[in-house]
Amino acid sequence: MFNPLVDSLEALSDSEVEKSINNLSRKYFQTQNPHVQAQISSVLEMYKSEMRTRTAKAMQKINENNGDESLDNLINIS
C-alpha cells in the first residue's frame, strides 16, 4: 500500500510507530464517516505492516545470535 501523505516510516522509532498505530486506531473508531475510515484503515495498515517487518527482523537477528551460541560451537574435540 502507498499513501502519498505518509512519509517514510523507516525514519520513525518503534515507539513512534506504536503511538501512531494507537492514535489512528482511536481516530478510526471516533468517526462514523466510511470514507474517512477507509483512508485511516489504509494508513493504519501501512504502520502495522512496518511494525510486523521490524518485529520479524528483530526475531531473525535473535535467532541468528542464538545459533552462534549453540553447544556445538562450545565443545572443542581435539
N, C-alpha and C. Protein backbone atom coordinates (compact mmCIF):
# COMPACT_ATOMS: atom_id res chain seq x y z
N MET A 1 0.83 -1.17 0.00
CA MET A 1 0.00 0.00 0.00
C MET A 1 0.88 1.24 0.00
N PHE A 2 0.35 2.26 -0.61
CA PHE A 2 1.10 3.50 -0.68
C PHE A 2 0.15 4.67 -0.45
N ASN A 3 0.58 5.59 0.35
CA ASN A 3 -0.19 6.81 0.59
C ASN A 3 0.79 7.97 0.47
N PRO A 4 0.54 8.90 -0.45
CA PRO A 4 1.49 10.00 -0.66
C PRO A 4 1.59 10.95 0.52
N LEU A 5 0.65 10.89 1.45
CA LEU A 5 0.68 11.79 2.60
C LEU A 5 1.52 11.24 3.75
N VAL A 6 1.96 9.99 3.64
CA VAL A 6 2.75 9.37 4.70
C VAL A 6 4.20 9.34 4.26
N ASP A 7 5.06 9.92 5.09
CA ASP A 7 6.49 9.90 4.80
C ASP A 7 7.06 8.52 5.09
N SER A 8 8.33 8.36 4.88
CA SER A 8 8.99 7.09 5.13
C SER A 8 8.86 6.70 6.60
N LEU A 9 8.41 5.50 6.84
CA LEU A 9 8.22 5.03 8.21
C LEU A 9 9.53 4.51 8.80
N GLU A 10 10.53 4.30 7.98
CA GLU A 10 11.80 3.79 8.45
C GLU A 10 12.52 4.79 9.35
N ALA A 11 12.21 6.07 9.19
CA ALA A 11 12.86 7.11 9.98
C ALA A 11 12.27 7.19 11.40
N LEU A 12 11.12 6.56 11.62
CA LEU A 12 10.48 6.62 12.93
C LEU A 12 11.02 5.54 13.85
N SER A 13 10.99 5.82 15.14
CA SER A 13 11.39 4.82 16.12
C SER A 13 10.22 3.86 16.35
N ASP A 14 10.50 2.74 17.02
CA ASP A 14 9.45 1.76 17.30
C ASP A 14 8.34 2.37 18.14
N SER A 15 8.70 3.17 19.11
CA SER A 15 7.68 3.76 19.98
C SER A 15 6.82 4.76 19.20
N GLU A 16 7.41 5.48 18.26
CA GLU A 16 6.64 6.42 17.45
C GLU A 16 5.65 5.68 16.54
N VAL A 17 6.08 4.55 16.01
CA VAL A 17 5.19 3.75 15.17
C VAL A 17 4.03 3.21 16.02
N GLU A 18 4.32 2.72 17.22
CA GLU A 18 3.28 2.22 18.10
C GLU A 18 2.29 3.32 18.50
N LYS A 19 2.81 4.50 18.80
CA LYS A 19 1.94 5.63 19.14
C LYS A 19 1.03 5.99 17.97
N SER A 20 1.57 5.96 16.76
CA SER A 20 0.77 6.27 15.58
C SER A 20 -0.32 5.22 15.36
N ILE A 21 0.02 3.96 15.58
CA ILE A 21 -0.97 2.89 15.45
C ILE A 21 -2.10 3.10 16.45
N ASN A 22 -1.76 3.39 17.69
CA ASN A 22 -2.78 3.62 18.72
C ASN A 22 -3.63 4.85 18.39
N ASN A 23 -2.99 5.91 17.95
CA ASN A 23 -3.69 7.14 17.61
C ASN A 23 -4.65 6.93 16.44
N LEU A 24 -4.18 6.27 15.40
CA LEU A 24 -5.02 6.02 14.23
C LEU A 24 -6.18 5.08 14.56
N SER A 25 -5.92 4.09 15.40
CA SER A 25 -6.99 3.17 15.81
C SER A 25 -8.08 3.92 16.56
N ARG A 26 -7.67 4.80 17.43
CA ARG A 26 -8.64 5.61 18.19
C ARG A 26 -9.46 6.49 17.26
N LYS A 27 -8.79 7.15 16.31
CA LYS A 27 -9.48 8.02 15.37
C LYS A 27 -10.42 7.25 14.45
N TYR A 28 -10.03 6.02 14.11
CA TYR A 28 -10.88 5.19 13.25
C TYR A 28 -12.25 4.97 13.90
N PHE A 29 -12.24 4.67 15.20
CA PHE A 29 -13.49 4.38 15.89
C PHE A 29 -14.23 5.65 16.32
N GLN A 30 -13.59 6.80 16.27
CA GLN A 30 -14.25 8.03 16.64
C GLN A 30 -15.12 8.58 15.51
N THR A 31 -14.80 8.26 14.28
CA THR A 31 -15.56 8.80 13.16
C THR A 31 -16.58 7.78 12.66
N GLN A 32 -17.65 8.29 12.12
CA GLN A 32 -18.69 7.43 11.55
C GLN A 32 -18.70 7.51 10.02
N ASN A 33 -17.82 8.33 9.47
CA ASN A 33 -17.75 8.51 8.02
C ASN A 33 -16.97 7.34 7.40
N PRO A 34 -17.64 6.53 6.56
CA PRO A 34 -16.96 5.35 5.99
C PRO A 34 -15.80 5.70 5.07
N HIS A 35 -15.86 6.85 4.41
CA HIS A 35 -14.76 7.25 3.53
C HIS A 35 -13.51 7.61 4.35
N VAL A 36 -13.72 8.30 5.44
CA VAL A 36 -12.61 8.65 6.33
C VAL A 36 -12.06 7.37 6.98
N GLN A 37 -12.94 6.47 7.38
CA GLN A 37 -12.50 5.21 7.97
C GLN A 37 -11.65 4.41 6.99
N ALA A 38 -12.03 4.43 5.70
CA ALA A 38 -11.26 3.71 4.69
C ALA A 38 -9.86 4.30 4.55
N GLN A 39 -9.75 5.62 4.58
CA GLN A 39 -8.44 6.26 4.48
C GLN A 39 -7.58 5.96 5.71
N ILE A 40 -8.20 6.05 6.88
CA ILE A 40 -7.47 5.76 8.12
C ILE A 40 -7.03 4.30 8.12
N SER A 41 -7.91 3.42 7.67
CA SER A 41 -7.58 2.00 7.62
C SER A 41 -6.38 1.73 6.71
N SER A 42 -6.33 2.43 5.60
CA SER A 42 -5.21 2.27 4.66
C SER A 42 -3.89 2.68 5.31
N VAL A 43 -3.88 3.82 5.94
CA VAL A 43 -2.66 4.31 6.60
C VAL A 43 -2.31 3.43 7.80
N LEU A 44 -3.33 3.01 8.53
CA LEU A 44 -3.12 2.14 9.69
C LEU A 44 -2.46 0.83 9.28
N GLU A 45 -2.88 0.28 8.16
CA GLU A 45 -2.28 -0.96 7.66
C GLU A 45 -0.82 -0.75 7.28
N MET A 46 -0.47 0.42 6.77
CA MET A 46 0.93 0.72 6.45
C MET A 46 1.78 0.69 7.72
N TYR A 47 1.27 1.31 8.79
CA TYR A 47 2.01 1.32 10.05
C TYR A 47 2.12 -0.08 10.65
N LYS A 48 1.05 -0.84 10.59
CA LYS A 48 1.07 -2.21 11.13
C LYS A 48 2.03 -3.08 10.34
N SER A 49 2.07 -2.91 9.04
CA SER A 49 2.99 -3.67 8.21
C SER A 49 4.44 -3.33 8.55
N GLU A 50 4.71 -2.06 8.77
CA GLU A 50 6.06 -1.63 9.17
C GLU A 50 6.45 -2.26 10.50
N MET A 51 5.51 -2.30 11.45
CA MET A 51 5.80 -2.88 12.75
C MET A 51 6.03 -4.39 12.64
N ARG A 52 5.26 -5.08 11.80
CA ARG A 52 5.48 -6.52 11.59
C ARG A 52 6.84 -6.78 10.98
N THR A 53 7.24 -5.93 10.04
CA THR A 53 8.55 -6.08 9.40
C THR A 53 9.67 -5.89 10.42
N ARG A 54 9.54 -4.88 11.27
CA ARG A 54 10.56 -4.64 12.30
C ARG A 54 10.64 -5.80 13.29
N THR A 55 9.48 -6.31 13.67
CA THR A 55 9.45 -7.44 14.61
C THR A 55 10.09 -8.68 13.99
N ALA A 56 9.79 -8.94 12.71
CA ALA A 56 10.37 -10.09 12.03
C ALA A 56 11.89 -9.96 11.93
N LYS A 57 12.38 -8.76 11.63
CA LYS A 57 13.83 -8.55 11.55
C LYS A 57 14.49 -8.76 12.91
N ALA A 58 13.84 -8.29 13.96
CA ALA A 58 14.39 -8.46 15.31
C ALA A 58 14.43 -9.94 15.69
N MET A 59 13.37 -10.66 15.37
CA MET A 59 13.34 -12.10 15.68
C MET A 59 14.40 -12.85 14.89
N GLN A 60 14.59 -12.48 13.64
CA GLN A 60 15.61 -13.12 12.82
C GLN A 60 17.00 -12.88 13.40
N LYS A 61 17.23 -11.68 13.86
CA LYS A 61 18.52 -11.35 14.45
C LYS A 61 18.75 -12.14 15.73
N ILE A 62 17.70 -12.28 16.55
CA ILE A 62 17.80 -13.08 17.78
C ILE A 62 18.10 -14.53 17.44
N ASN A 63 17.41 -15.07 16.45
CA ASN A 63 17.63 -16.47 16.06
C ASN A 63 19.04 -16.69 15.51
N GLU A 64 19.56 -15.72 14.78
CA GLU A 64 20.92 -15.84 14.26
C GLU A 64 21.93 -15.82 15.40
N ASN A 65 21.71 -14.98 16.39
CA ASN A 65 22.61 -14.91 17.53
C ASN A 65 22.54 -16.17 18.37
N ASN A 66 21.37 -16.73 18.54
CA ASN A 66 21.22 -17.96 19.31
C ASN A 66 21.88 -19.13 18.61
N GLY A 67 21.90 -19.12 17.29
CA GLY A 67 22.56 -20.18 16.54
C GLY A 67 24.05 -20.19 16.77
N ASP A 68 24.65 -19.05 17.02
CA ASP A 68 26.08 -18.95 17.27
C ASP A 68 26.45 -19.44 18.65
N GLU A 69 25.49 -19.47 19.56
CA GLU A 69 25.78 -19.86 20.93
C GLU A 69 25.36 -21.31 21.22
N SER A 70 25.18 -22.11 20.18
CA SER A 70 24.76 -23.49 20.41
C SER A 70 25.90 -24.29 21.04
N LEU A 71 25.57 -25.43 21.59
CA LEU A 71 26.55 -26.27 22.27
C LEU A 71 27.60 -26.80 21.30
N ASP A 72 27.25 -26.95 20.04
CA ASP A 72 28.21 -27.45 19.06
C ASP A 72 29.42 -26.53 18.94
N ASN A 73 29.22 -25.26 19.08
CA ASN A 73 30.33 -24.33 18.98
C ASN A 73 31.13 -24.25 20.29
N LEU A 74 30.55 -24.68 21.38
CA LEU A 74 31.24 -24.62 22.67
C LEU A 74 32.10 -25.85 22.94
N ILE A 75 31.79 -26.96 22.32
CA ILE A 75 32.54 -28.20 22.55
C ILE A 75 33.68 -28.27 21.55
N ASN A 76 34.89 -28.38 22.07
CA ASN A 76 36.07 -28.48 21.23
C ASN A 76 36.70 -29.84 21.43
N ILE A 77 36.61 -30.67 20.42
CA ILE A 77 37.21 -32.01 20.48
C ILE A 77 38.48 -31.99 19.66
N SER A 78 39.62 -32.19 20.34
CA SER A 78 40.90 -32.16 19.64
C SER A 78 41.61 -33.47 19.80
